[in-house]
Structures are given as structure tokens and as C-alpha cells.
């Protein structure tokens, strides 16, 4: 049986009034983490503070 050990990372994309849109910042984070070998597991959005959390994993 294969028991893969995982590392996890959470990126928070918060509300910004100036600069790149949230969509562009999420895409940049996905590209950045993907290039480093991270796999996106799930996404959560908090409507109270307009933050989006990206949950990643990769083999340890």
C-alpha cells in the first residue's frame, strides 16, 4: 500500500481597493503554486470579509 505524505499550503486572497483584480491575483497565485508543484485541492470564500482561500497540497 502506498502511504503518501502530504504538505499543505493555504493562500488567502483578500479584498484590495487598488491594484490587480481578485480574479487576476487568484490566477497569479494558481500559476505560481502550480509551477512549484502544488495541486489545488479546494477553494473557500468568506463573504463577510471578501477573502478567498486557496488550499493546496503536494507530496512531502
PDB file of N, CA and C in Angstrom:
ATOM      1  N   UNK A   1       0.829  -1.176   0.000  1.00  0.00           N
ATOM      2  CA  UNK A   1       0.000   0.000   0.000  1.00  0.00           C
ATOM      3  C   UNK A   1       0.880   1.248   0.000  1.00  0.00           C
ATOM      4  N   UNK A   2       0.494   2.225  -0.783  1.00  0.00           N
ATOM      5  CA  UNK A   2       1.241   3.479  -0.876  1.00  0.00           C
ATOM      6  C   UNK A   2       0.649   4.498   0.097  1.00  0.00           C
ATOM      7  N   UNK A   3       1.470   4.967   1.034  1.00  0.00           N
ATOM      8  CA  UNK A   3       1.024   5.965   2.013  1.00  0.00           C
ATOM      9  C   UNK A   3       1.763   7.264   1.755  1.00  0.00           C
ATOM     10  N   UNK A   4       1.237   8.059   0.845  1.00  0.00           N
ATOM     11  CA  UNK A   4       1.868   9.330   0.503  1.00  0.00           C
ATOM     12  C   UNK A   4       1.730  10.315   1.654  1.00  0.00           C
ATOM     13  N   UNK A   5       2.825  10.949   2.003  1.00  0.00           N
ATOM     14  CA  UNK A   5       2.812  12.032   2.982  1.00  0.00           C
ATOM     15  C   UNK A   5       2.615  13.338   2.215  1.00  0.00           C
ATOM     16  N   UNK A   6       1.806  14.228   2.749  1.00  0.00           N
ATOM     17  CA  UNK A   6       1.480  15.469   2.059  1.00  0.00           C
ATOM     18  C   UNK A   6       1.939  16.682   2.855  1.00  0.00           C
ATOM     19  N   UNK A   7       2.274  17.729   2.115  1.00  0.00           N
ATOM     20  CA  UNK A   7       2.477  19.064   2.673  1.00  0.00           C
ATOM     21  C   UNK A   7       1.267  19.869   2.230  1.00  0.00           C
ATOM     22  N   UNK A   8       0.866  20.824   3.055  1.00  0.00           N
ATOM     23  CA  UNK A   8      -0.300  21.646   2.727  1.00  0.00           C
ATOM     24  C   UNK A   8       0.056  23.122   2.793  1.00  0.00           C
ATOM     25  N   UNK A   9      -0.638  23.902   1.984  1.00  0.00           N
ATOM     26  CA  UNK A   9      -0.434  25.350   1.978  1.00  0.00           C
ATOM     27  C   UNK A   9      -1.790  26.021   1.757  1.00  0.00           C
ATOM     28  N   UNK A  10      -2.024  27.113   2.470  1.00  0.00           N
ATOM     29  CA  UNK A  10      -3.245  27.903   2.289  1.00  0.00           C
ATOM     30  C   UNK A  10      -2.840  29.320   1.900  1.00  0.00           C
ATOM     31  N   UNK A  11      -3.380  29.800   0.793  1.00  0.00           N
ATOM     32  CA  UNK A  11      -3.156  31.177   0.352  1.00  0.00           C
ATOM     33  C   UNK A  11      -4.458  31.948   0.519  1.00  0.00           C
ATOM     34  N   UNK A  12      -4.356  33.128   1.109  1.00  0.00           N
ATOM     35  CA  UNK A  12      -5.530  33.983   1.262  1.00  0.00           C
ATOM     36  C   UNK A  12      -5.429  35.145   0.285  1.00  0.00           C
ATOM     37  N   UNK A  13      -6.463  35.325  -0.503  1.00  0.00           N
ATOM     38  CA  UNK A  13      -6.550  36.445  -1.435  1.00  0.00           C
ATOM     39  C   UNK A  13      -7.616  37.376  -0.869  1.00  0.00           C
ATOM     40  N   UNK A  14      -7.177  38.497  -0.331  1.00  0.00           N
ATOM     41  CA  UNK A  14      -8.094  39.425   0.322  1.00  0.00           C
ATOM     42  C   UNK A  14      -8.565  40.532  -0.602  1.00  0.00           C
ATOM     43  N   UNK A  15      -9.507  41.278  -0.109  1.00  0.00           N
ATOM     44  CA  UNK A  15     -10.046  42.419  -0.838  1.00  0.00           C
ATOM     45  C   UNK A  15      -8.997  43.521  -0.918  1.00  0.00           C
ATOM     46  N   UNK A  16      -8.801  44.075  -2.106  1.00  0.00           N
ATOM     47  CA  UNK A  16      -7.906  45.212  -2.306  1.00  0.00           C
ATOM     48  C   UNK A  16      -8.644  46.260  -3.115  1.00  0.00           C
ATOM     49  N   UNK A  17      -8.519  47.490  -2.696  1.00  0.00           N
ATOM     50  CA  UNK A  17      -9.197  48.569  -3.413  1.00  0.00           C
ATOM     51  C   UNK A  17      -8.437  48.994  -4.662  1.00  0.00           C
ATOM     52  N   UNK A  18      -7.111  48.843  -4.633  1.00  0.00           N
ATOM     53  CA  UNK A  18      -6.284  49.258  -5.764  1.00  0.00           C
ATOM     54  C   UNK A  18      -5.432  48.086  -6.219  1.00  0.00           C
ATOM     55  N   UNK A  19      -4.996  48.127  -7.461  1.00  0.00           N
ATOM     56  CA  UNK A  19      -4.136  47.067  -7.977  1.00  0.00           C
ATOM     57  C   UNK A  19      -4.933  46.073  -8.795  1.00  0.00           C
ATOM     58  N   UNK A  20      -4.346  44.897  -8.956  1.00  0.00           N
ATOM     59  CA  UNK A  20      -4.943  43.849  -9.787  1.00  0.00           C
ATOM     60  C   UNK A  20      -6.267  43.374  -9.182  1.00  0.00           C
ATOM     61  N   UNK A  21      -7.157  42.918 -10.055  1.00  0.00           N
ATOM     62  CA  UNK A  21      -8.447  42.398  -9.599  1.00  0.00           C
ATOM     63  C   UNK A  21      -8.238  41.094  -8.830  1.00  0.00           C
ATOM     64  N   UNK A  22      -9.233  40.707  -8.045  1.00  0.00           N
ATOM     65  CA  UNK A  22      -9.158  39.448  -7.301  1.00  0.00           C
ATOM     66  C   UNK A  22      -8.980  38.284  -8.268  1.00  0.00           C
ATOM     67  N   UNK A  23      -9.672  38.314  -9.396  1.00  0.00           N
ATOM     68  CA  UNK A  23      -9.547  37.256 -10.401  1.00  0.00           C
ATOM     69  C   UNK A  23      -8.099  37.129 -10.863  1.00  0.00           C
ATOM     70  N   UNK A  24      -7.466  38.256 -11.183  1.00  0.00           N
ATOM     71  CA  UNK A  24      -6.075  38.231 -11.645  1.00  0.00           C
ATOM     72  C   UNK A  24      -5.133  37.751 -10.551  1.00  0.00           C
ATOM     73  N   UNK A  25      -5.362  38.163  -9.309  1.00  0.00           N
ATOM     74  CA  UNK A  25      -4.496  37.741  -8.201  1.00  0.00           C
ATOM     75  C   UNK A  25      -4.662  36.252  -7.905  1.00  0.00           C
ATOM     76  N   UNK A  26      -5.883  35.736  -8.031  1.00  0.00           N
ATOM     77  CA  UNK A  26      -6.108  34.297  -7.853  1.00  0.00           C
ATOM     78  C   UNK A  26      -5.398  33.529  -8.957  1.00  0.00           C
ATOM     79  N   UNK A  27      -5.538  33.981 -10.188  1.00  0.00           N
ATOM     80  CA  UNK A  27      -4.869  33.314 -11.310  1.00  0.00           C
ATOM     81  C   UNK A  27      -3.355  33.325 -11.132  1.00  0.00           C
ATOM     82  N   UNK A  28      -2.802  34.450 -10.702  1.00  0.00           N
ATOM     83  CA  UNK A  28      -1.359  34.540 -10.465  1.00  0.00           C
ATOM     84  C   UNK A  28      -0.918  33.562  -9.378  1.00  0.00           C
ATOM     85  N   UNK A  29      -1.697  33.457  -8.316  1.00  0.00           N
ATOM     86  CA  UNK A  29      -1.356  32.533  -7.223  1.00  0.00           C
ATOM     87  C   UNK A  29      -1.439  31.085  -7.696  1.00  0.00           C
ATOM     88  N   UNK A  30      -2.462  30.758  -8.491  1.00  0.00           N
ATOM     89  CA  UNK A  30      -2.577  29.405  -9.038  1.00  0.00           C
ATOM     90  C   UNK A  30      -1.385  29.076  -9.931  1.00  0.00           C
ATOM     91  N   UNK A  31      -0.997  30.003 -10.799  1.00  0.00           N
ATOM     92  CA  UNK A  31       0.163  29.791 -11.674  1.00  0.00           C
ATOM     93  C   UNK A  31       1.439  29.621 -10.864  1.00  0.00           C
ATOM     94  N   UNK A  32       1.617  30.472  -9.864  1.00  0.00           N
ATOM     95  CA  UNK A  32       2.820  30.434  -9.026  1.00  0.00           C
ATOM     96  C   UNK A  32       2.922  29.107  -8.280  1.00  0.00           C
ATOM     97  N   UNK A  33       1.856  28.721  -7.599  1.00  0.00           N
ATOM     98  CA  UNK A  33       1.880  27.470  -6.826  1.00  0.00           C
ATOM     99  C   UNK A  33       1.976  26.254  -7.738  1.00  0.00           C
ATOM    100  N   UNK A  34       1.292  26.290  -8.872  1.00  0.00           N
ATOM    101  CA  UNK A  34       1.370  25.176  -9.815  1.00  0.00           C
ATOM    102  C   UNK A  34       2.780  24.959 -10.325  1.00  0.00           C
ATOM    103  N   UNK A  35       3.493  26.044 -10.607  1.00  0.00           N
ATOM    104  CA  UNK A  35       4.878  25.945 -11.077  1.00  0.00           C
ATOM    105  C   UNK A  35       5.793  25.355 -10.008  1.00  0.00           C
ATOM    106  N   UNK A  36       5.387  25.481  -8.744  1.00  0.00           N
ATOM    107  CA  UNK A  36       6.183  24.940  -7.635  1.00  0.00           C
ATOM    108  C   UNK A  36       5.751  23.525  -7.248  1.00  0.00           C
ATOM    109  N   UNK A  37       4.819  22.952  -8.015  1.00  0.00           N
ATOM    110  CA  UNK A  37       4.404  21.575  -7.773  1.00  0.00           C
ATOM    111  C   UNK A  37       3.200  21.400  -6.860  1.00  0.00           C
ATOM    112  N   UNK A  38       2.548  22.504  -6.484  1.00  0.00           N
ATOM    113  CA  UNK A  38       1.378  22.419  -5.620  1.00  0.00           C
ATOM    114  C   UNK A  38       0.141  22.103  -6.448  1.00  0.00           C
ATOM    115  N   UNK A  39      -0.762  21.314  -5.882  1.00  0.00           N
ATOM    116  CA  UNK A  39      -2.030  20.958  -6.520  1.00  0.00           C
ATOM    117  C   UNK A  39      -3.168  21.622  -5.745  1.00  0.00           C
ATOM    118  N   UNK A  40      -4.045  22.314  -6.447  1.00  0.00           N
ATOM    119  CA  UNK A  40      -5.193  22.947  -5.803  1.00  0.00           C
ATOM    120  C   UNK A  40      -6.164  21.863  -5.345  1.00  0.00           C
ATOM    121  N   UNK A  41      -6.561  21.927  -4.070  1.00  0.00           N
ATOM    122  CA  UNK A  41      -7.477  20.941  -3.505  1.00  0.00           C
ATOM    123  C   UNK A  41      -8.894  21.494  -3.456  1.00  0.00           C
ATOM    124  N   UNK A  42      -9.039  22.700  -2.932  1.00  0.00           N
ATOM    125  CA  UNK A  42     -10.363  23.317  -2.836  1.00  0.00           C
ATOM    126  C   UNK A  42     -10.215  24.823  -2.669  1.00  0.00           C
ATOM    127  N   UNK A  43     -11.330  25.502  -2.812  1.00  0.00           N
ATOM    128  CA  UNK A  43     -11.385  26.961  -2.672  1.00  0.00           C
ATOM    129  C   UNK A  43     -12.545  27.285  -1.740  1.00  0.00           C
ATOM    130  N   UNK A  44     -12.327  28.246  -0.844  1.00  0.00           N
ATOM    131  CA  UNK A  44     -13.396  28.706   0.051  1.00  0.00           C
ATOM    132  C   UNK A  44     -13.458  30.223  -0.025  1.00  0.00           C
ATOM    133  N   UNK A  45     -14.658  30.751   0.057  1.00  0.00           N
ATOM    134  CA  UNK A  45     -14.844  32.201   0.005  1.00  0.00           C
ATOM    135  C   UNK A  45     -15.589  32.647   1.255  1.00  0.00           C
ATOM    136  N   UNK A  46     -15.098  33.701   1.885  1.00  0.00           N
ATOM    137  CA  UNK A  46     -15.741  34.284   3.062  1.00  0.00           C
ATOM    138  C   UNK A  46     -16.390  35.594   2.631  1.00  0.00           C
ATOM    139  N   UNK A  47     -17.704  35.594   2.569  1.00  0.00           N
ATOM    140  CA  UNK A  47     -18.410  36.795   2.112  1.00  0.00           C
ATOM    141  C   UNK A  47     -18.389  37.914   3.156  1.00  0.00           C
ATOM    142  N   UNK A  48     -18.069  37.591   4.408  1.00  0.00           N
ATOM    143  CA  UNK A  48     -18.009  38.626   5.447  1.00  0.00           C
ATOM    144  C   UNK A  48     -16.873  39.607   5.214  1.00  0.00           C
ATOM    145  N   UNK A  49     -15.726  39.101   4.765  1.00  0.00           N
ATOM    146  CA  UNK A  49     -14.584  39.994   4.533  1.00  0.00           C
ATOM    147  C   UNK A  49     -14.068  39.915   3.099  1.00  0.00           C
ATOM    148  N   UNK A  50     -14.807  39.275   2.222  1.00  0.00           N
ATOM    149  CA  UNK A  50     -14.475  39.161   0.796  1.00  0.00           C
ATOM    150  C   UNK A  50     -13.115  38.528   0.553  1.00  0.00           C
ATOM    151  N   UNK A  51     -12.718  37.592   1.416  1.00  0.00           N
ATOM    152  CA  UNK A  51     -11.469  36.862   1.220  1.00  0.00           C
ATOM    153  C   UNK A  51     -11.748  35.520   0.560  1.00  0.00           C
ATOM    154  N   UNK A  52     -10.794  35.071  -0.225  1.00  0.00           N
ATOM    155  CA  UNK A  52     -10.851  33.757  -0.840  1.00  0.00           C
ATOM    156  C   UNK A  52      -9.630  32.981  -0.385  1.00  0.00           C
ATOM    157  N   UNK A  53      -9.841  31.742   0.060  1.00  0.00           N
ATOM    158  CA  UNK A  53      -8.736  30.882   0.481  1.00  0.00           C
ATOM    159  C   UNK A  53      -8.555  29.780  -0.549  1.00  0.00           C
ATOM    160  N   UNK A  54      -7.315  29.594  -0.957  1.00  0.00           N
ATOM    161  CA  UNK A  54      -6.939  28.537  -1.885  1.00  0.00           C
ATOM    162  C   UNK A  54      -6.156  27.494  -1.097  1.00  0.00           C
ATOM    163  N   UNK A  55      -6.617  26.255  -1.110  1.00  0.00           N
ATOM    164  CA  UNK A  55      -5.974  25.173  -0.360  1.00  0.00           C
ATOM    165  C   UNK A  55      -5.221  24.277  -1.339  1.00  0.00           C
ATOM    166  N   UNK A  56      -3.927  24.114  -1.078  1.00  0.00           N
ATOM    167  CA  UNK A  56      -3.052  23.337  -1.949  1.00  0.00           C
ATOM    168  C   UNK A  56      -2.426  22.174  -1.187  1.00  0.00           C
ATOM    169  N   UNK A  57      -1.987  21.155  -1.938  1.00  0.00           N
ATOM    170  CA  UNK A  57      -1.200  20.073  -1.358  1.00  0.00           C
ATOM    171  C   UNK A  57      -0.153  19.636  -2.375  1.00  0.00           C
ATOM    172  N   UNK A  58       0.920  19.004  -1.854  1.00  0.00           N
ATOM    173  CA  UNK A  58       1.918  18.368  -2.704  1.00  0.00           C
ATOM    174  C   UNK A  58       2.606  17.300  -1.880  1.00  0.00           C
ATOM    175  N   UNK A  59       3.161  16.302  -2.538  1.00  0.00           N
ATOM    176  CA  UNK A  59       3.858  15.260  -1.784  1.00  0.00           C
ATOM    177  C   UNK A  59       5.001  15.853  -0.968  1.00  0.00           C
ATOM    178  N   UNK A  60       5.150  15.341   0.258  1.00  0.00           N
ATOM    179  CA  UNK A  60       6.212  15.826   1.157  1.00  0.00           C
ATOM    180  C   UNK A  60       7.581  15.367   0.674  1.00  0.00           C
TER     181      UNK A  60
END
